[in-house]
Amino acid sequence: MGYLKWLFVAGSVGFVFLAILVSFYIVNEAPNIPVSVSNEKETVMQKIKDGLYRVQVNEMDASLIEQQLDKFNVWEEGAEFVHMSKVKIEQFPDLLDHLAENYQDSGITLEDRRKWEGAYLAEEWTSKFIEWKFNTEKAGSTGVQGARYGIVAFVKSSDGKYVDCMLTIYKLDFKLAPTLLLNDHAILWGLYKWSTIEKVEIDRSISKDEITRFQNFFRYKALKEFKKEGIIDRIPNKHRLE
């Protein structure tokens, strides 16, 4: 009888000890299940991807522009990519100030900053994708011109407490190569003839079609930077220039 009583007590203690271990495991392990954080990151990244896939380009025409760089005797290009994650929503105006101050040379103006702040003032918004284009003035007697093209994405977290910002800027400085003119000359009533080649720089306005092609080229370069950073896995292609 005493032996059975001892077994009952030992079994009860063992059960209580096991229950404590299970409770300890649940309390300590449950908070580490990476559901909300992982899903939140995936949701924000998916919004950014979806927005970038809507910026379509004609990849073939962009490649043709790249193959015609012999028309320029100065062609310097570069790209910049910035990703700022989990910026507190109350610090969104500070983020806009940072962009306006540090990327003024790339075409972001105070007017742009005021427009973008509309997203902060709105009660309901999840994502904003903005493109901007900026042409610099001719750099004095050098004749070098510049262009900047950028895409900035603002995406709010599902709880509305944070904002992710992604920015890419494509920078281009260029100068059109001079046109070669063949001049014919003659003396002695045309008995002696010769030709000379003259380099002439001709100022001309860029046609509407050329502007469209350049804009497509700039978009392609910016999206290429997003792809290089692994944000998107393909460049969305369309068959016609618009």
Protein backbone atom coordinates (compact mmCIF):
# COMPACT_ATOMS: atom_id res chain seq x y z
CA MET A 1 0.00 0.00 0.00
CA GLY A 2 2.82 2.38 0.90
CA TYR A 3 4.55 1.49 -2.35
CA LEU A 4 1.45 2.44 -4.39
CA LYS A 5 1.15 5.70 -2.46
CA TRP A 6 4.80 6.50 -3.24
CA LEU A 7 4.20 5.81 -6.95
CA PHE A 8 1.16 8.09 -6.95
CA VAL A 9 3.09 10.96 -5.31
CA ALA A 10 6.06 10.50 -7.65
CA GLY A 11 3.77 10.42 -10.66
CA SER A 12 1.96 13.59 -9.54
CA VAL A 13 5.24 15.44 -9.01
CA GLY A 14 6.49 14.26 -12.40
CA PHE A 15 3.30 15.44 -14.11
CA VAL A 16 3.50 18.85 -12.42
CA PHE A 17 7.18 19.13 -13.41
CA LEU A 18 6.34 18.22 -17.01
CA ALA A 19 3.50 20.77 -17.05
CA ILE A 20 5.90 23.47 -15.80
CA LEU A 21 8.37 22.57 -18.56
CA VAL A 22 5.66 22.78 -21.23
CA SER A 23 4.43 26.11 -19.87
CA PHE A 24 7.99 27.45 -19.82
CA TYR A 25 8.51 26.33 -23.45
CA ILE A 26 5.29 27.98 -24.62
CA VAL A 27 5.98 31.26 -22.82
CA ASN A 28 9.57 31.46 -24.06
CA GLU A 29 9.17 30.10 -27.57
CA ALA A 30 5.86 31.54 -28.73
CA PRO A 31 7.00 35.19 -29.05
CA ASN A 32 9.89 34.11 -31.31
CA ILE A 33 7.63 32.79 -34.06
CA PRO A 34 8.57 35.14 -36.97
CA VAL A 35 5.14 35.71 -38.42
CA SER A 36 4.22 39.37 -38.10
CA VAL A 37 7.70 40.82 -38.71
CA SER A 38 8.41 38.63 -41.73
CA ASN A 39 4.98 39.16 -43.22
CA GLU A 40 5.27 42.91 -42.66
CA LYS A 41 8.58 43.06 -44.55
CA GLU A 42 7.18 40.94 -47.36
CA THR A 43 4.09 43.15 -47.61
CA VAL A 44 6.12 46.38 -47.83
CA MET A 45 8.52 44.87 -50.37
CA GLN A 46 5.65 43.50 -52.45
CA LYS A 47 4.04 46.95 -52.63
CA ILE A 48 7.33 48.39 -53.85
CA LYS A 49 7.73 45.64 -56.45
CA ASP A 50 4.16 46.05 -57.69
CA GLY A 51 4.68 49.79 -58.12
CA LEU A 52 7.96 49.38 -60.00
CA TYR A 53 6.49 46.78 -62.34
CA ARG A 54 3.96 49.41 -63.42
CA VAL A 55 6.81 51.64 -64.70
CA GLN A 56 7.17 50.00 -68.10
CA VAL A 57 9.84 50.67 -70.71
CA ASN A 58 10.66 49.64 -74.25
CA GLU A 59 13.89 47.74 -73.66
CA MET A 60 14.74 47.38 -77.35
CA ASP A 61 14.63 51.12 -78.02
CA ALA A 62 16.65 51.80 -74.87
CA SER A 63 19.31 49.41 -76.20
CA LEU A 64 19.33 51.24 -79.54
CA ILE A 65 19.98 54.55 -77.75
CA GLU A 66 22.92 52.93 -75.96
CA GLN A 67 24.34 51.76 -79.29
CA GLN A 68 24.25 55.29 -80.72
CA LEU A 69 26.52 56.91 -78.18
CA ASP A 70 28.97 57.84 -80.94
CA LYS A 71 26.79 60.92 -81.45
CA PHE A 72 28.19 62.24 -78.19
CA ASN A 73 31.75 63.20 -77.45
CA VAL A 74 30.99 63.47 -73.74
CA TRP A 75 28.85 60.84 -72.06
CA GLU A 76 29.20 60.34 -68.32
CA GLU A 77 26.57 58.38 -66.46
CA GLY A 78 26.01 57.05 -63.00
CA ALA A 79 23.29 55.82 -60.69
CA GLU A 80 22.53 56.09 -57.00
CA PHE A 81 20.32 53.82 -54.92
CA VAL A 82 19.07 54.52 -51.39
CA HIS A 83 16.84 52.40 -49.14
CA MET A 84 15.59 53.73 -45.80
CA SER A 85 13.41 51.33 -43.82
CA LYS A 86 11.14 51.67 -40.79
CA VAL A 87 11.13 55.47 -40.61
CA LYS A 88 8.62 56.47 -37.94
CA ILE A 89 5.56 58.09 -39.50
CA GLU A 90 5.96 61.18 -37.30
CA GLN A 91 9.46 61.60 -38.78
CA PHE A 92 8.19 61.54 -42.36
CA PRO A 93 8.53 65.37 -42.72
CA ASP A 94 12.16 65.06 -41.56
CA LEU A 95 12.70 62.40 -44.23
CA LEU A 96 11.35 64.76 -46.89
CA ASP A 97 13.63 67.53 -45.61
CA HIS A 98 16.58 65.15 -45.91
CA LEU A 99 15.70 64.26 -49.52
CA ALA A 100 15.14 67.89 -50.53
CA GLU A 101 18.43 68.99 -48.96
CA ASN A 102 20.69 66.17 -50.13
CA TYR A 103 19.29 65.61 -53.61
CA GLN A 104 18.67 69.19 -54.69
CA ASP A 105 21.36 68.83 -57.37
CA SER A 106 19.48 65.82 -58.70
CA GLY A 107 16.31 67.80 -59.26
CA ILE A 108 14.33 67.39 -56.02
CA THR A 109 12.91 70.82 -55.24
CA LEU A 110 11.08 72.36 -52.29
CA GLU A 111 7.97 72.26 -54.46
CA ASP A 112 8.41 68.49 -54.79
CA ARG A 113 8.83 68.26 -51.03
CA ARG A 114 5.56 70.13 -50.45
CA LYS A 115 3.71 67.86 -52.88
CA TRP A 116 5.08 64.70 -51.30
CA GLU A 117 4.08 65.92 -47.84
CA GLY A 118 0.48 65.54 -48.98
CA ALA A 119 0.91 61.82 -48.38
CA TYR A 120 1.78 62.53 -44.74
CA LEU A 121 -1.27 64.75 -44.28
CA ALA A 122 -3.66 62.23 -45.83
CA GLU A 123 -5.43 59.89 -43.41
CA GLU A 124 -5.43 56.93 -45.78
CA TRP A 125 -2.54 55.98 -48.06
CA THR A 126 -0.37 52.91 -48.43
CA SER A 127 2.11 53.68 -51.20
CA LYS A 128 3.28 56.52 -53.44
CA PHE A 129 5.50 56.18 -56.52
CA ILE A 130 6.85 59.40 -58.02
CA GLU A 131 9.00 60.02 -61.07
CA TRP A 132 10.81 63.26 -61.69
CA LYS A 133 12.97 64.58 -64.50
CA PHE A 134 15.50 67.38 -64.27
CA ASN A 135 17.56 69.03 -67.00
CA THR A 136 20.60 71.04 -65.94
CA GLU A 137 21.72 74.19 -67.69
CA LYS A 138 24.56 74.26 -70.21
CA ALA A 139 27.83 74.39 -68.32
CA GLY A 140 29.32 77.55 -69.81
CA SER A 141 31.58 77.26 -72.83
CA THR A 142 32.03 73.49 -72.40
CA GLY A 143 28.60 72.82 -73.85
CA VAL A 144 28.13 69.88 -71.49
CA GLN A 145 24.51 69.33 -70.56
CA GLY A 146 23.05 67.18 -67.85
CA ALA A 147 19.91 65.28 -67.08
CA ARG A 148 18.65 63.56 -63.95
CA TYR A 149 15.87 61.03 -63.71
CA GLY A 150 14.59 59.53 -60.50
CA ILE A 151 12.00 57.23 -59.00
CA VAL A 152 11.10 57.47 -55.32
CA ALA A 153 8.76 55.08 -53.52
CA PHE A 154 7.11 55.63 -50.15
CA VAL A 155 5.33 52.64 -48.59
CA LYS A 156 3.55 52.68 -45.25
CA SER A 157 3.49 49.64 -42.95
CA SER A 158 0.16 47.92 -42.36
CA ASP A 159 -0.07 49.31 -38.82
CA GLY A 160 0.54 52.84 -40.15
CA LYS A 161 3.46 53.46 -37.80
CA TYR A 162 6.39 53.28 -40.23
CA VAL A 163 7.38 54.26 -43.75
CA ASP A 164 9.89 52.63 -46.08
CA CYS A 165 11.55 54.81 -48.70
CA MET A 166 13.42 53.65 -51.80
CA LEU A 167 15.13 56.07 -54.14
CA THR A 168 17.12 55.61 -57.32
CA ILE A 169 18.58 58.40 -59.45
CA TYR A 170 20.10 58.03 -62.90
CA LYS A 171 22.59 60.80 -63.70
CA LEU A 172 23.79 61.71 -67.16
CA ASP A 173 26.15 64.42 -68.43
CA PHE A 174 26.58 64.64 -72.17
CA LYS A 175 27.68 66.82 -75.07
CA LEU A 176 26.63 66.33 -78.67
CA ALA A 177 29.51 65.56 -81.00
CA PRO A 178 30.14 68.21 -83.65
CA THR A 179 28.75 67.68 -87.14
CA LEU A 180 31.30 67.02 -89.87
CA LEU A 181 30.74 69.14 -92.99
CA LEU A 182 32.44 68.41 -96.30
CA ASN A 183 33.31 71.65 -98.08
CA ASP A 184 34.23 71.65 -101.77
CA HIS A 185 36.65 74.30 -103.07
CA ALA A 186 37.84 75.24 -106.55
CA ILE A 187 40.17 77.81 -108.17
CA LEU A 188 41.31 78.62 -111.67
CA TRP A 189 37.80 78.36 -113.09
CA GLY A 190 37.36 74.92 -111.60
CA LEU A 191 40.54 73.39 -113.02
CA TYR A 192 41.86 72.68 -109.50
CA LYS A 193 39.49 71.26 -106.92
CA TRP A 194 39.89 70.04 -103.34
CA SER A 195 37.74 69.30 -100.31
CA THR A 196 38.10 70.06 -96.61
CA ILE A 197 36.33 68.67 -93.59
CA GLU A 198 35.08 71.14 -91.00
CA LYS A 199 33.74 70.40 -87.53
CA VAL A 200 30.71 72.53 -86.81
CA GLU A 201 28.70 72.51 -83.58
CA ILE A 202 25.07 73.13 -84.45
CA ASP A 203 22.60 74.07 -81.74
CA ARG A 204 19.30 72.41 -82.39
CA SER A 205 16.18 71.70 -80.43
CA ILE A 206 15.39 68.11 -79.52
CA SER A 207 12.27 66.79 -81.21
CA LYS A 208 9.29 65.38 -79.33
CA ASP A 209 10.12 61.85 -80.51
CA GLU A 210 13.70 62.21 -79.27
CA ILE A 211 12.49 63.41 -75.86
CA THR A 212 10.20 60.37 -75.62
CA ARG A 213 13.09 58.06 -76.48
CA PHE A 214 15.38 59.69 -73.91
CA GLN A 215 12.73 59.45 -71.20
CA ASN A 216 12.29 55.77 -72.00
CA PHE A 217 16.08 55.32 -71.84
CA PHE A 218 16.26 57.05 -68.43
CA ARG A 219 13.44 54.89 -67.04
CA TYR A 220 15.23 51.79 -68.29
CA LYS A 221 18.45 52.84 -66.54
CA ALA A 222 16.64 53.57 -63.26
CA LEU A 223 14.79 50.24 -63.29
CA LYS A 224 18.06 48.50 -64.14
CA GLU A 225 19.46 49.89 -60.89
CA PHE A 226 16.49 48.50 -58.92
CA LYS A 227 17.08 45.13 -60.58
CA LYS A 228 20.80 45.29 -59.77
CA GLU A 229 19.89 45.81 -56.10
CA GLY A 230 17.60 42.76 -56.19
CA ILE A 231 14.39 44.72 -55.62
CA ILE A 232 12.86 43.45 -58.87
CA ASP A 233 13.83 40.37 -60.88
CA ARG A 234 12.90 41.69 -64.32
CA ILE A 235 12.46 44.99 -66.16
CA PRO A 236 8.83 45.40 -67.28
CA ASN A 237 8.83 45.68 -71.06
CA LYS A 238 6.28 47.25 -73.39
CA HIS A 239 6.26 47.07 -77.17
CA ARG A 240 5.46 50.71 -77.94
CA LEU A 241 6.93 54.02 -76.86
CA GLU A 242 4.42 56.44 -75.35
